[in-house]
Protein backbone atom coordinates (compact mmCIF):
# COMPACT_ATOMS: atom_id res chain seq x y z
CA MET A 1 -6.44 4.99 13.29
CA ALA A 2 -3.76 2.61 11.97
CA PHE A 3 -0.12 3.55 11.75
CA TYR A 4 2.69 1.81 9.88
CA ARG A 5 5.98 1.08 11.54
CA GLY A 6 9.31 1.56 9.80
CA GLU A 7 10.10 -2.16 9.72
CA GLU A 8 7.12 -2.72 7.44
CA GLY A 9 8.77 -0.85 4.54
CA SER A 10 11.11 -2.47 2.02
CA VAL A 11 13.07 -1.77 -1.16
CA LYS A 12 13.21 -3.57 -4.51
CA PHE A 13 15.80 -2.74 -7.13
CA LYS A 14 16.12 -3.65 -10.81
CA ASN A 15 19.64 -3.25 -12.14
CA SER A 16 20.66 -2.37 -15.70
CA ALA A 17 20.84 -6.10 -16.54
CA GLY A 18 17.09 -6.35 -15.83
CA THR A 19 17.26 -8.37 -12.62
CA THR A 20 14.71 -7.34 -9.96
CA ALA A 21 15.15 -8.37 -6.34
CA ALA A 22 14.38 -7.20 -2.82
CA ILE A 23 17.32 -5.56 -1.07
CA ALA A 24 18.01 -7.78 1.92
CA SER A 25 18.80 -6.29 5.32
CA THR A 26 17.27 -2.90 4.50
CA THR A 27 17.07 -0.88 7.70
CA GLY A 28 15.53 2.25 6.21
CA TRP A 29 15.07 4.44 3.17
CA SER A 30 14.29 8.07 2.43
CA LEU A 31 12.89 9.88 -0.60
CA SER A 32 12.77 13.66 -0.89
CA VAL A 33 10.64 15.05 -3.70
CA SER A 34 10.70 18.69 -4.75
CA LYS A 35 8.83 20.74 -7.34
CA ASP A 36 10.16 23.86 -9.01
CA VAL A 37 7.81 26.79 -9.41
CA LEU A 38 7.59 29.26 -12.28
CA ASP A 39 6.62 32.88 -11.88
CA CYS A 40 3.60 33.57 -14.11
CA THR A 41 2.71 37.00 -12.76
CA ALA A 42 0.86 39.15 -15.28
CA HIS A 43 2.49 42.45 -16.14
CA GLY A 44 1.08 45.13 -13.85
CA ALA A 45 -0.34 42.68 -11.27
CA GLY A 46 -0.11 43.66 -7.61
CA SER A 47 0.72 40.15 -6.38
CA ARG A 48 2.88 37.38 -7.74
CA SER A 49 1.39 34.19 -9.17
CA TYR A 50 3.13 30.85 -9.59
CA VAL A 51 2.60 27.48 -11.25
CA GLY A 52 4.21 24.17 -10.44
CA SER A 53 6.92 22.97 -12.80
CA LEU A 54 9.57 20.25 -12.90
CA ILE A 55 9.65 17.56 -10.23
CA SER A 56 12.80 15.87 -8.99
CA GLY A 57 13.75 13.53 -6.20
CA SER A 58 16.67 12.07 -4.34
CA GLY A 59 17.18 9.84 -1.37
CA SER A 60 19.02 6.98 0.20
CA VAL A 61 18.67 3.37 1.26
CA GLU A 62 20.30 2.13 4.46
CA LEU A 63 21.23 -1.52 4.73
CA LEU A 64 23.33 -3.91 6.75
CA TYR A 65 26.06 -5.76 4.89
CA THR A 66 26.31 -9.45 5.79
CA ALA A 67 29.18 -11.89 5.37
CA GLU A 68 27.13 -14.04 3.00
CA GLY A 69 26.22 -10.98 0.99
CA SER A 70 23.11 -10.72 -1.07
CA GLY A 71 23.23 -10.73 -4.83
CA ALA A 72 20.72 -7.87 -4.94
CA SER A 73 22.54 -5.87 -2.26
CA ASP A 74 25.87 -6.35 -4.02
CA GLU A 75 24.41 -5.28 -7.38
CA PHE A 76 22.79 -2.27 -5.73
CA ILE A 77 26.11 -1.15 -4.24
CA LYS A 78 28.02 -1.77 -7.50
CA GLU A 79 25.66 0.59 -9.38
CA ALA A 80 27.55 3.47 -7.72
CA LEU A 81 30.58 2.49 -9.81
CA VAL A 82 28.84 2.54 -13.20
CA THR A 83 30.08 5.39 -15.38
CA GLU A 84 27.91 7.02 -18.03
CA ASP A 85 24.89 5.54 -16.25
CA ALA A 86 21.75 5.71 -18.40
CA ALA A 87 19.47 6.03 -15.32
CA ASP A 88 17.98 2.64 -16.12
CA ALA A 89 17.98 1.30 -12.57
CA GLN A 90 14.38 0.79 -11.40
CA PHE A 91 13.49 1.51 -7.79
CA GLU A 92 10.47 0.41 -5.76
CA LEU A 93 10.26 1.92 -2.28
CA TYR A 94 7.49 0.26 -0.29
CA LEU A 95 5.42 1.82 2.47
CA GLY A 96 3.57 -0.02 5.18
CA ASP A 97 1.78 -3.18 4.15
CA GLY A 98 3.66 -3.71 0.87
CA THR A 99 0.89 -2.49 -1.45
CA LYS A 100 1.78 1.20 -1.31
CA LYS A 101 4.98 2.25 -3.02
CA PHE A 102 6.93 4.78 -5.06
CA THR A 103 8.42 3.57 -8.36
CA PHE A 104 10.91 5.43 -10.52
CA ALA A 105 14.04 5.13 -12.62
CA GLY A 106 17.20 6.55 -11.16
CA VAL A 107 20.93 6.72 -10.83
CA VAL A 108 22.82 5.37 -7.82
CA THR A 109 25.11 8.27 -6.97
CA SER A 110 27.12 6.99 -4.01
CA ALA A 111 27.67 4.19 -1.53
CA ASP A 112 29.03 4.98 1.94
CA PHE A 113 30.39 2.16 4.08
CA GLY A 114 30.92 2.22 7.81
CA ALA A 115 31.77 -0.17 10.60
CA SER A 116 32.85 0.06 14.20
CA THR A 117 34.76 -2.66 15.99
CA GLY A 118 32.28 -5.25 17.23
CA ASP A 119 29.37 -3.64 15.41
CA LEU A 120 27.44 -4.46 12.25
CA GLN A 121 28.66 -3.06 8.93
CA SER A 122 26.26 -0.57 7.45
CA VAL A 123 26.00 0.79 3.92
CA SER A 124 24.18 3.93 2.84
CA VAL A 125 23.38 4.09 -0.88
CA SER A 126 22.24 7.42 -2.33
CA PHE A 127 20.28 7.93 -5.53
CA GLN A 128 18.86 10.60 -7.83
CA THR A 129 15.53 10.03 -9.56
CA SER A 130 15.23 10.36 -13.33
CA GLY A 131 11.87 10.87 -14.98
CA THR A 132 8.45 10.34 -13.41
CA ILE A 133 8.03 9.29 -9.78
CA THR A 134 4.88 7.16 -9.63
CA PRO A 135 3.13 6.79 -6.27
CA THR A 136 0.82 3.86 -5.60
CA VAL A 137 -0.72 5.10 -2.36
């Protein structure tokens, strides 16, 4: 049985200007997907029945910020400062060998920076999905 290690995943991001690039120095990413349910219990039934409904997702990308900077990383971080965002940023979150991924449009909702003396500067960028999340797995 083969397993994939975390370092085999990566992130690509297409900003509102249409530029797609890999986010350099990505150390990790997360995507949480949830589905609402609707109660469709018939009147007089003895047990409740449900159907799946709207799907939504959110997550974050963790990266290291380097002195040289990366055009893609900088653009990714700057998306948190875009007001009236049309959710036109395109995300590609890759699993394992680079052929399996999740793609979706979304809004970058925040960027959190942190650094300790003598340590690497890290950035955590959070996002909210908008529209369909397409898995290629």
